PDB file of N, CA and C in Angstrom:
ATOM      1  N   MET A   1     -52.538  20.020  18.671  1.00  0.00           N
ATOM      2  CA  MET A   1     -51.826  21.225  18.960  1.00  0.00           C
ATOM      3  C   MET A   1     -50.744  21.486  17.947  1.00  0.00           C
ATOM      4  N   ALA A   2     -50.660  22.582  17.277  1.00  0.00           N
ATOM      5  CA  ALA A   2     -49.826  22.818  16.234  1.00  0.00           C
ATOM      6  C   ALA A   2     -48.435  23.272  16.874  1.00  0.00           C
ATOM      7  N   GLN A   3     -47.298  22.734  16.202  1.00  0.00           N
ATOM      8  CA  GLN A   3     -45.966  22.994  16.726  1.00  0.00           C
ATOM      9  C   GLN A   3     -45.662  24.430  16.282  1.00  0.00           C
ATOM     10  N   SER A   4     -44.890  25.119  17.199  1.00  0.00           N
ATOM     11  CA  SER A   4     -44.473  26.444  16.806  1.00  0.00           C
ATOM     12  C   SER A   4     -43.397  26.338  15.697  1.00  0.00           C
ATOM     13  N   ALA A   5     -43.084  27.439  14.975  1.00  0.00           N
ATOM     14  CA  ALA A   5     -42.095  27.382  13.963  1.00  0.00           C
ATOM     15  C   ALA A   5     -40.669  27.125  14.589  1.00  0.00           C
ATOM     16  N   SER A   6     -40.475  27.598  15.783  1.00  0.00           N
ATOM     17  CA  SER A   6     -39.129  27.429  16.415  1.00  0.00           C
ATOM     18  C   SER A   6     -38.981  25.956  16.735  1.00  0.00           C
ATOM     19  N   THR A   7     -40.012  25.283  17.167  1.00  0.00           N
ATOM     20  CA  THR A   7     -40.029  23.908  17.448  1.00  0.00           C
ATOM     21  C   THR A   7     -39.701  23.033  16.262  1.00  0.00           C
ATOM     22  N   GLN A   8     -40.434  23.402  15.158  1.00  0.00           N
ATOM     23  CA  GLN A   8     -40.195  22.734  13.877  1.00  0.00           C
ATOM     24  C   GLN A   8     -38.839  22.919  13.379  1.00  0.00           C
ATOM     25  N   THR A   9     -38.194  24.136  13.468  1.00  0.00           N
ATOM     26  CA  THR A   9     -36.933  24.412  13.099  1.00  0.00           C
ATOM     27  C   THR A   9     -35.943  23.666  13.959  1.00  0.00           C
ATOM     28  N   ARG A  10     -36.129  23.548  15.239  1.00  0.00           N
ATOM     29  CA  ARG A  10     -35.279  22.802  16.058  1.00  0.00           C
ATOM     30  C   ARG A  10     -35.355  21.296  15.762  1.00  0.00           C
ATOM     31  N   ASN A  11     -36.513  20.771  15.449  1.00  0.00           N
ATOM     32  CA  ASN A  11     -36.610  19.353  15.156  1.00  0.00           C
ATOM     33  C   ASN A  11     -35.890  19.079  13.787  1.00  0.00           C
ATOM     34  N   ALA A  12     -36.077  19.965  12.928  1.00  0.00           N
ATOM     35  CA  ALA A  12     -35.434  19.804  11.593  1.00  0.00           C
ATOM     36  C   ALA A  12     -33.849  19.868  11.734  1.00  0.00           C
ATOM     37  N   ALA A  13     -33.441  20.766  12.578  1.00  0.00           N
ATOM     38  CA  ALA A  13     -31.985  20.922  12.763  1.00  0.00           C
ATOM     39  C   ALA A  13     -31.453  19.709  13.580  1.00  0.00           C
ATOM     40  N   ASP A  14     -32.194  19.108  14.534  1.00  0.00           N
ATOM     41  CA  ASP A  14     -31.824  17.928  15.188  1.00  0.00           C
ATOM     42  C   ASP A  14     -31.724  16.750  14.234  1.00  0.00           C
ATOM     43  N   GLU A  15     -32.726  16.670  13.301  1.00  0.00           N
ATOM     44  CA  GLU A  15     -32.698  15.586  12.283  1.00  0.00           C
ATOM     45  C   GLU A  15     -31.530  15.641  11.462  1.00  0.00           C
ATOM     46  N   LEU A  16     -31.250  16.797  10.983  1.00  0.00           N
ATOM     47  CA  LEU A  16     -30.126  17.066  10.079  1.00  0.00           C
ATOM     48  C   LEU A  16     -28.825  16.813  10.810  1.00  0.00           C
ATOM     49  N   ALA A  17     -28.645  17.152  12.026  1.00  0.00           N
ATOM     50  CA  ALA A  17     -27.531  16.854  12.868  1.00  0.00           C
ATOM     51  C   ALA A  17     -27.342  15.348  12.931  1.00  0.00           C
ATOM     52  N   ASP A  18     -28.342  14.649  13.194  1.00  0.00           N
ATOM     53  CA  ASP A  18     -28.354  13.257  13.327  1.00  0.00           C
ATOM     54  C   ASP A  18     -27.791  12.554  12.047  1.00  0.00           C
ATOM     55  N   LYS A  19     -28.390  13.050  10.831  1.00  0.00           N
ATOM     56  CA  LYS A  19     -28.061  12.544   9.523  1.00  0.00           C
ATOM     57  C   LYS A  19     -26.576  12.821   9.269  1.00  0.00           C
ATOM     58  N   ALA A  20     -26.031  13.958   9.633  1.00  0.00           N
ATOM     59  CA  ALA A  20     -24.671  14.279   9.461  1.00  0.00           C
ATOM     60  C   ALA A  20     -23.752  13.456  10.263  1.00  0.00           C
ATOM     61  N   ALA A  21     -24.204  13.193  11.486  1.00  0.00           N
ATOM     62  CA  ALA A  21     -23.422  12.344  12.427  1.00  0.00           C
ATOM     63  C   ALA A  21     -23.242  10.897  11.876  1.00  0.00           C
ATOM     64  N   ASN A  22     -24.443  10.403  11.388  1.00  0.00           N
ATOM     65  CA  ASN A  22     -24.453   9.073  10.837  1.00  0.00           C
ATOM     66  C   ASN A  22     -23.602   9.006   9.588  1.00  0.00           C
ATOM     67  N   LEU A  23     -23.762   9.988   8.781  1.00  0.00           N
ATOM     68  CA  LEU A  23     -22.866   9.955   7.555  1.00  0.00           C
ATOM     69  C   LEU A  23     -21.321  10.133   7.924  1.00  0.00           C
ATOM     70  N   ALA A  24     -21.039  10.837   8.862  1.00  0.00           N
ATOM     71  CA  ALA A  24     -19.646  10.954   9.323  1.00  0.00           C
ATOM     72  C   ALA A  24     -19.073   9.665   9.868  1.00  0.00           C
ATOM     73  N   GLU A  25     -19.994   8.940  10.688  1.00  0.00           N
ATOM     74  CA  GLU A  25     -19.615   7.604  11.173  1.00  0.00           C
ATOM     75  C   GLU A  25     -19.420   6.625  10.100  1.00  0.00           C
ATOM     76  N   ARG A  26     -20.316   6.572   9.126  1.00  0.00           N
ATOM     77  CA  ARG A  26     -20.117   5.716   7.963  1.00  0.00           C
ATOM     78  C   ARG A  26     -18.890   5.966   7.200  1.00  0.00           C
ATOM     79  N   THR A  27     -18.707   7.197   6.895  1.00  0.00           N
ATOM     80  CA  THR A  27     -17.444   7.559   6.246  1.00  0.00           C
ATOM     81  C   THR A  27     -16.204   7.184   6.926  1.00  0.00           C
ATOM     82  N   GLY A  28     -16.153   7.423   8.260  1.00  0.00           N
ATOM     83  CA  GLY A  28     -15.075   7.019   9.073  1.00  0.00           C
ATOM     84  C   GLY A  28     -14.785   5.553   9.016  1.00  0.00           C
ATOM     85  N   ASP A  29     -15.914   4.830   9.071  1.00  0.00           N
ATOM     86  CA  ASP A  29     -15.807   3.270   9.027  1.00  0.00           C
ATOM     87  C   ASP A  29     -15.182   2.874   7.691  1.00  0.00           C
ATOM     88  N   ARG A  30     -15.654   3.496   6.540  1.00  0.00           N
ATOM     89  CA  ARG A  30     -15.098   3.191   5.179  1.00  0.00           C
ATOM     90  C   ARG A  30     -13.683   3.527   5.101  1.00  0.00           C
ATOM     91  N   ILE A  31     -13.226   4.595   5.575  1.00  0.00           N
ATOM     92  CA  ILE A  31     -11.814   5.159   5.529  1.00  0.00           C
ATOM     93  C   ILE A  31     -11.066   4.024   6.343  1.00  0.00           C
ATOM     94  N   GLU A  32     -11.496   3.674   7.579  1.00  0.00           N
ATOM     95  CA  GLU A  32     -10.758   2.674   8.348  1.00  0.00           C
ATOM     96  C   GLU A  32     -10.614   1.384   7.615  1.00  0.00           C
ATOM     97  N   ARG A  33     -11.707   0.885   6.955  1.00  0.00           N
ATOM     98  CA  ARG A  33     -11.635  -0.364   6.097  1.00  0.00           C
ATOM     99  C   ARG A  33     -10.636  -0.190   4.990  1.00  0.00           C
ATOM    100  N   THR A  34     -10.586   1.006   4.382  1.00  0.00           N
ATOM    101  CA  THR A  34      -9.658   1.110   3.139  1.00  0.00           C
ATOM    102  C   THR A  34      -8.243   1.204   3.693  1.00  0.00           C
ATOM    103  N   VAL A  35      -7.989   1.945   4.752  1.00  0.00           N
ATOM    104  CA  VAL A  35      -6.662   1.997   5.349  1.00  0.00           C
ATOM    105  C   VAL A  35      -6.167   0.577   5.704  1.00  0.00           C
ATOM    106  N   GLN A  36      -7.036  -0.188   6.349  1.00  0.00           N
ATOM    107  CA  GLN A  36      -6.713  -1.571   6.724  1.00  0.00           C
ATOM    108  C   GLN A  36      -6.450  -2.380   5.437  1.00  0.00           C
ATOM    109  N   ASP A  37      -7.228  -2.338   4.392  1.00  0.00           N
ATOM    110  CA  ASP A  37      -6.972  -3.048   3.195  1.00  0.00           C
ATOM    111  C   ASP A  37      -5.594  -2.674   2.569  1.00  0.00           C
ATOM    112  N   LEU A  38      -5.366  -1.418   2.604  1.00  0.00           N
ATOM    113  CA  LEU A  38      -3.959  -0.970   1.961  1.00  0.00           C
ATOM    114  C   LEU A  38      -2.872  -1.464   2.769  1.00  0.00           C
ATOM    115  N   ALA A  39      -3.038  -1.590   4.133  1.00  0.00           N
ATOM    116  CA  ALA A  39      -1.896  -2.050   4.957  1.00  0.00           C
ATOM    117  C   ALA A  39      -1.792  -3.591   4.701  1.00  0.00           C
ATOM    118  N   ASP A  40      -2.883  -4.233   4.562  1.00  0.00           N
ATOM    119  CA  ASP A  40      -2.829  -5.706   4.184  1.00  0.00           C
ATOM    120  C   ASP A  40      -2.038  -5.839   2.918  1.00  0.00           C
ATOM    121  N   GLN A  41      -2.467  -5.011   1.969  1.00  0.00           N
ATOM    122  CA  GLN A  41      -1.780  -5.249   0.576  1.00  0.00           C
ATOM    123  C   GLN A  41      -0.292  -4.910   0.666  1.00  0.00           C
ATOM    124  N   GLY A  42       0.042  -3.954   1.494  1.00  0.00           N
ATOM    125  CA  GLY A  42       1.468  -3.645   1.714  1.00  0.00           C
ATOM    126  C   GLY A  42       2.170  -4.721   2.286  1.00  0.00           C
ATOM    127  N   ARG A  43       1.565  -5.344   3.260  1.00  0.00           N
ATOM    128  CA  ARG A  43       2.284  -6.572   4.014  1.00  0.00           C
ATOM    129  C   ARG A  43       2.407  -7.614   2.906  1.00  0.00           C
ATOM    130  N   GLN A  44       1.453  -7.907   2.102  1.00  0.00           N
ATOM    131  CA  GLN A  44       1.514  -8.954   1.061  1.00  0.00           C
ATOM    132  C   GLN A  44       2.547  -8.665   0.122  1.00  0.00           C
ATOM    133  N   ALA A  45       2.670  -7.437  -0.373  1.00  0.00           N
ATOM    134  CA  ALA A  45       3.738  -6.992  -1.208  1.00  0.00           C
ATOM    135  C   ALA A  45       5.136  -7.212  -0.669  1.00  0.00           C
ATOM    136  N   THR A  46       5.248  -6.875   0.592  1.00  0.00           N
ATOM    137  CA  THR A  46       6.615  -6.976   1.259  1.00  0.00           C
ATOM    138  C   THR A  46       6.888  -8.456   1.331  1.00  0.00           C
ATOM    139  N   GLU A  47       5.987  -9.288   1.695  1.00  0.00           N
ATOM    140  CA  GLU A  47       6.256 -10.815   1.717  1.00  0.00           C
ATOM    141  C   GLU A  47       6.654 -11.332   0.366  1.00  0.00           C
ATOM    142  N   GLN A  48       6.034 -10.813  -0.719  1.00  0.00           N
ATOM    143  CA  GLN A  48       6.384 -11.326  -1.988  1.00  0.00           C
ATOM    144  C   GLN A  48       7.705 -10.833  -2.467  1.00  0.00           C
ATOM    145  N   VAL A  49       8.155  -9.670  -2.060  1.00  0.00           N
ATOM    146  CA  VAL A  49       9.377  -9.038  -2.447  1.00  0.00           C
ATOM    147  C   VAL A  49      10.547  -9.957  -1.629  1.00  0.00           C
ATOM    148  N   GLN A  50      10.193 -10.298  -0.476  1.00  0.00           N
ATOM    149  CA  GLN A  50      11.129 -11.079   0.337  1.00  0.00           C
ATOM    150  C   GLN A  50      11.382 -12.463  -0.308  1.00  0.00           C
ATOM    151  N   VAL A  51      10.201 -13.079  -0.882  1.00  0.00           N
ATOM    152  CA  VAL A  51      10.381 -14.345  -1.465  1.00  0.00           C
ATOM    153  C   VAL A  51      11.189 -14.250  -2.710  1.00  0.00           C
ATOM    154  N   VAL A  52      10.997 -13.125  -3.510  1.00  0.00           N
ATOM    155  CA  VAL A  52      11.686 -12.967  -4.705  1.00  0.00           C
ATOM    156  C   VAL A  52      13.189 -12.809  -4.425  1.00  0.00           C
ATOM    157  N   ALA A  53      13.440 -11.972  -3.379  1.00  0.00           N
ATOM    158  CA  ALA A  53      14.879 -11.684  -3.021  1.00  0.00           C
ATOM    159  C   ALA A  53      15.549 -12.984  -2.569  1.00  0.00           C
ATOM    160  N   GLU A  54      14.838 -13.838  -1.866  1.00  0.00           N
ATOM    161  CA  GLU A  54      15.375 -15.109  -1.345  1.00  0.00           C
ATOM    162  C   GLU A  54      15.737 -15.964  -2.579  1.00  0.00           C
ATOM    163  N   ASN A  55      14.759 -15.965  -3.533  1.00  0.00           N
ATOM    164  CA  ASN A  55      15.006 -16.885  -4.719  1.00  0.00           C
ATOM    165  C   ASN A  55      16.121 -16.379  -5.462  1.00  0.00           C
ATOM    166  N   PHE A  56      16.265 -15.093  -5.609  1.00  0.00           N
ATOM    167  CA  PHE A  56      17.428 -14.441  -6.336  1.00  0.00           C
ATOM    168  C   PHE A  56      18.770 -14.761  -5.678  1.00  0.00           C
ATOM    169  N   LYS A  57      18.717 -14.675  -4.372  1.00  0.00           N
ATOM    170  CA  LYS A  57      19.927 -14.944  -3.614  1.00  0.00           C
ATOM    171  C   LYS A  57      20.349 -16.425  -3.837  1.00  0.00           C
ATOM    172  N   THR A  58      19.301 -17.315  -3.704  1.00  0.00           N
ATOM    173  CA  THR A  58      19.600 -18.698  -4.013  1.00  0.00           C
ATOM    174  C   THR A  58      20.190 -18.987  -5.287  1.00  0.00           C
ATOM    175  N   ALA A  59      19.619 -18.322  -6.440  1.00  0.00           N
ATOM    176  CA  ALA A  59      20.058 -18.601  -7.781  1.00  0.00           C
ATOM    177  C   ALA A  59      21.435 -18.077  -7.902  1.00  0.00           C
ATOM    178  N   VAL A  60      21.791 -16.852  -7.329  1.00  0.00           N
ATOM    179  CA  VAL A  60      23.136 -16.287  -7.405  1.00  0.00           C
ATOM    180  C   VAL A  60      24.173 -17.219  -6.744  1.00  0.00           C
ATOM    181  N   ASP A  61      23.759 -17.637  -5.513  1.00  0.00           N
ATOM    182  CA  ASP A  61      24.592 -18.569  -4.745  1.00  0.00           C
ATOM    183  C   ASP A  61      24.924 -19.881  -5.601  1.00  0.00           C
ATOM    184  N   LYS A  62      23.866 -20.335  -6.169  1.00  0.00           N
ATOM    185  CA  LYS A  62      24.094 -21.647  -6.988  1.00  0.00           C
ATOM    186  C   LYS A  62      24.978 -21.275  -8.241  1.00  0.00           C
ATOM    187  N   SER A  63      24.742 -20.137  -8.742  1.00  0.00           N
ATOM    188  CA  SER A  63      25.541 -19.819 -10.005  1.00  0.00           C
ATOM    189  C   SER A  63      27.051 -19.577  -9.739  1.00  0.00           C
ATOM    190  N   VAL A  64      27.161 -18.933  -8.622  1.00  0.00           N
ATOM    191  CA  VAL A  64      28.613 -18.790  -8.238  1.00  0.00           C
ATOM    192  C   VAL A  64      29.267 -20.005  -7.819  1.00  0.00           C
ATOM    193  N   LYS A  65      28.562 -20.968  -7.212  1.00  0.00           N
ATOM    194  CA  LYS A  65      29.129 -22.197  -6.972  1.00  0.00           C
ATOM    195  C   LYS A  65      29.344 -23.054  -8.220  1.00  0.00           C
ATOM    196  N   ASP A  66      28.441 -23.084  -9.039  1.00  0.00           N
ATOM    197  CA  ASP A  66      28.436 -23.910 -10.200  1.00  0.00           C
ATOM    198  C   ASP A  66      29.260 -23.356 -11.435  1.00  0.00           C
ATOM    199  N   GLN A  67      29.179 -22.066 -11.617  1.00  0.00           N
ATOM    200  CA  GLN A  67      29.873 -21.365 -12.805  1.00  0.00           C
ATOM    201  C   GLN A  67      30.536 -19.957 -12.386  1.00  0.00           C
ATOM    202  N   PRO A  68      31.511 -20.045 -11.551  1.00  0.00           N
ATOM    203  CA  PRO A  68      32.040 -18.787 -10.909  1.00  0.00           C
ATOM    204  C   PRO A  68      32.536 -17.755 -11.973  1.00  0.00           C
ATOM    205  N   LEU A  69      33.183 -18.224 -13.025  1.00  0.00           N
ATOM    206  CA  LEU A  69      33.658 -17.257 -14.022  1.00  0.00           C
ATOM    207  C   LEU A  69      32.547 -16.700 -14.842  1.00  0.00           C
ATOM    208  N   THR A  70      31.554 -17.394 -15.213  1.00  0.00           N
ATOM    209  CA  THR A  70      30.435 -16.891 -15.951  1.00  0.00           C
ATOM    210  C   THR A  70      29.695 -15.847 -15.027  1.00  0.00           C
ATOM    211  N   THR A  71      29.554 -16.195 -13.778  1.00  0.00           N
ATOM    212  CA  THR A  71      28.738 -15.355 -12.841  1.00  0.00           C
ATOM    213  C   THR A  71      29.598 -14.034 -12.815  1.00  0.00           C
ATOM    214  N   LEU A  72      30.930 -14.065 -12.634  1.00  0.00           N
ATOM    215  CA  LEU A  72      31.722 -12.933 -12.504  1.00  0.00           C
ATOM    216  C   LEU A  72      31.594 -12.100 -13.813  1.00  0.00           C
ATOM    217  N   ALA A  73      31.680 -12.717 -14.970  1.00  0.00           N
ATOM    218  CA  ALA A  73      31.526 -12.005 -16.209  1.00  0.00           C
ATOM    219  C   ALA A  73      30.210 -11.264 -16.302  1.00  0.00           C
ATOM    220  N   VAL A  74      29.150 -11.965 -15.930  1.00  0.00           N
ATOM    221  CA  VAL A  74      27.787 -11.301 -15.950  1.00  0.00           C
ATOM    222  C   VAL A  74      27.760 -10.147 -15.009  1.00  0.00           C
ATOM    223  N   ALA A  75      28.285 -10.294 -13.768  1.00  0.00           N
ATOM    224  CA  ALA A  75      28.295  -9.261 -12.714  1.00  0.00           C
ATOM    225  C   ALA A  75      29.087  -7.975 -13.332  1.00  0.00           C
ATOM    226  N   ALA A  76      30.216  -8.346 -14.065  1.00  0.00           N
ATOM    227  CA  ALA A  76      31.009  -7.206 -14.583  1.00  0.00           C
ATOM    228  C   ALA A  76      30.220  -6.402 -15.666  1.00  0.00           C
ATOM    229  N   GLY A  77      29.568  -7.171 -16.450  1.00  0.00           N
ATOM    230  CA  GLY A  77      28.754  -6.671 -17.470  1.00  0.00           C
ATOM    231  C   GLY A  77      27.627  -5.864 -16.966  1.00  0.00           C
ATOM    232  N   ILE A  78      26.983  -6.190 -15.936  1.00  0.00           N
ATOM    233  CA  ILE A  78      25.886  -5.468 -15.355  1.00  0.00           C
ATOM    234  C   ILE A  78      26.457  -4.205 -14.724  1.00  0.00           C
ATOM    235  N   GLY A  79      27.622  -4.293 -14.108  1.00  0.00           N
ATOM    236  CA  GLY A  79      28.190  -3.117 -13.484  1.00  0.00           C
ATOM    237  C   GLY A  79      28.570  -2.124 -14.472  1.00  0.00           C
ATOM    238  N   PHE A  80      29.058  -2.699 -15.594  1.00  0.00           N
ATOM    239  CA  PHE A  80      29.529  -1.743 -16.740  1.00  0.00           C
ATOM    240  C   PHE A  80      28.242  -1.004 -17.243  1.00  0.00           C
ATOM    241  N   VAL A  81      27.172  -1.699 -17.430  1.00  0.00           N
ATOM    242  CA  VAL A  81      25.898  -1.032 -18.011  1.00  0.00           C
ATOM    243  C   VAL A  81      25.446  -0.060 -17.014  1.00  0.00           C
ATOM    244  N   ILE A  82      25.369  -0.387 -15.733  1.00  0.00           N
ATOM    245  CA  ILE A  82      24.831   0.502 -14.706  1.00  0.00           C
ATOM    246  C   ILE A  82      25.781   1.778 -14.604  1.00  0.00           C
ATOM    247  N   GLY A  83      27.129   1.573 -14.664  1.00  0.00           N
ATOM    248  CA  GLY A  83      28.016   2.593 -14.618  1.00  0.00           C
ATOM    249  C   GLY A  83      27.823   3.596 -15.868  1.00  0.00           C
ATOM    250  N   ALA A  84      27.639   3.057 -16.995  1.00  0.00           N
ATOM    251  CA  ALA A  84      27.411   3.836 -18.253  1.00  0.00           C
ATOM    252  C   ALA A  84      26.185   4.615 -18.145  1.00  0.00           C
ATOM    253  N   LEU A  85      25.100   3.993 -17.582  1.00  0.00           N
ATOM    254  CA  LEU A  85      23.857   4.725 -17.432  1.00  0.00           C
ATOM    255  C   LEU A  85      23.894   5.756 -16.309  1.00  0.00           C
ATOM    256  N   TRP A  86      24.682   5.537 -15.345  1.00  0.00           N
ATOM    257  CA  TRP A  86      24.828   6.420 -14.268  1.00  0.00           C
ATOM    258  C   TRP A  86      25.540   7.769 -14.776  1.00  0.00           C
ATOM    259  N   LYS A  87      26.570   7.434 -15.509  1.00  0.00           N
ATOM    260  CA  LYS A  87      27.346   8.546 -16.044  1.00  0.00           C
ATOM    261  C   LYS A  87      26.626   9.466 -16.994  1.00  0.00           C
ATOM    262  N   SER A  88      25.715   8.920 -17.757  1.00  0.00           N
ATOM    263  CA  SER A  88      24.992   9.654 -18.730  1.00  0.00           C
ATOM    264  C   SER A  88      23.846  10.500 -18.214  1.00  0.00           C
TER     265      SER A  88
END
């Protein structure tokens, strides 16, 4: 028995809707994975910055303790340069 044109059209529309739903679901899954990857990379970057900051703090503390005048002179020089750049 031959299908009517309206039945064929309905079947084609249903098939197209299923394909669109599957594509939307796969796209949503990819977006979710990408967002999760970006969040993980952000956490890793934050952890690395914290390690660098801690190392810098340790180095400054050691420098202040071992060579206070040199550390003061370097800090004054850095302040002068930043002030000159800020002013211009």
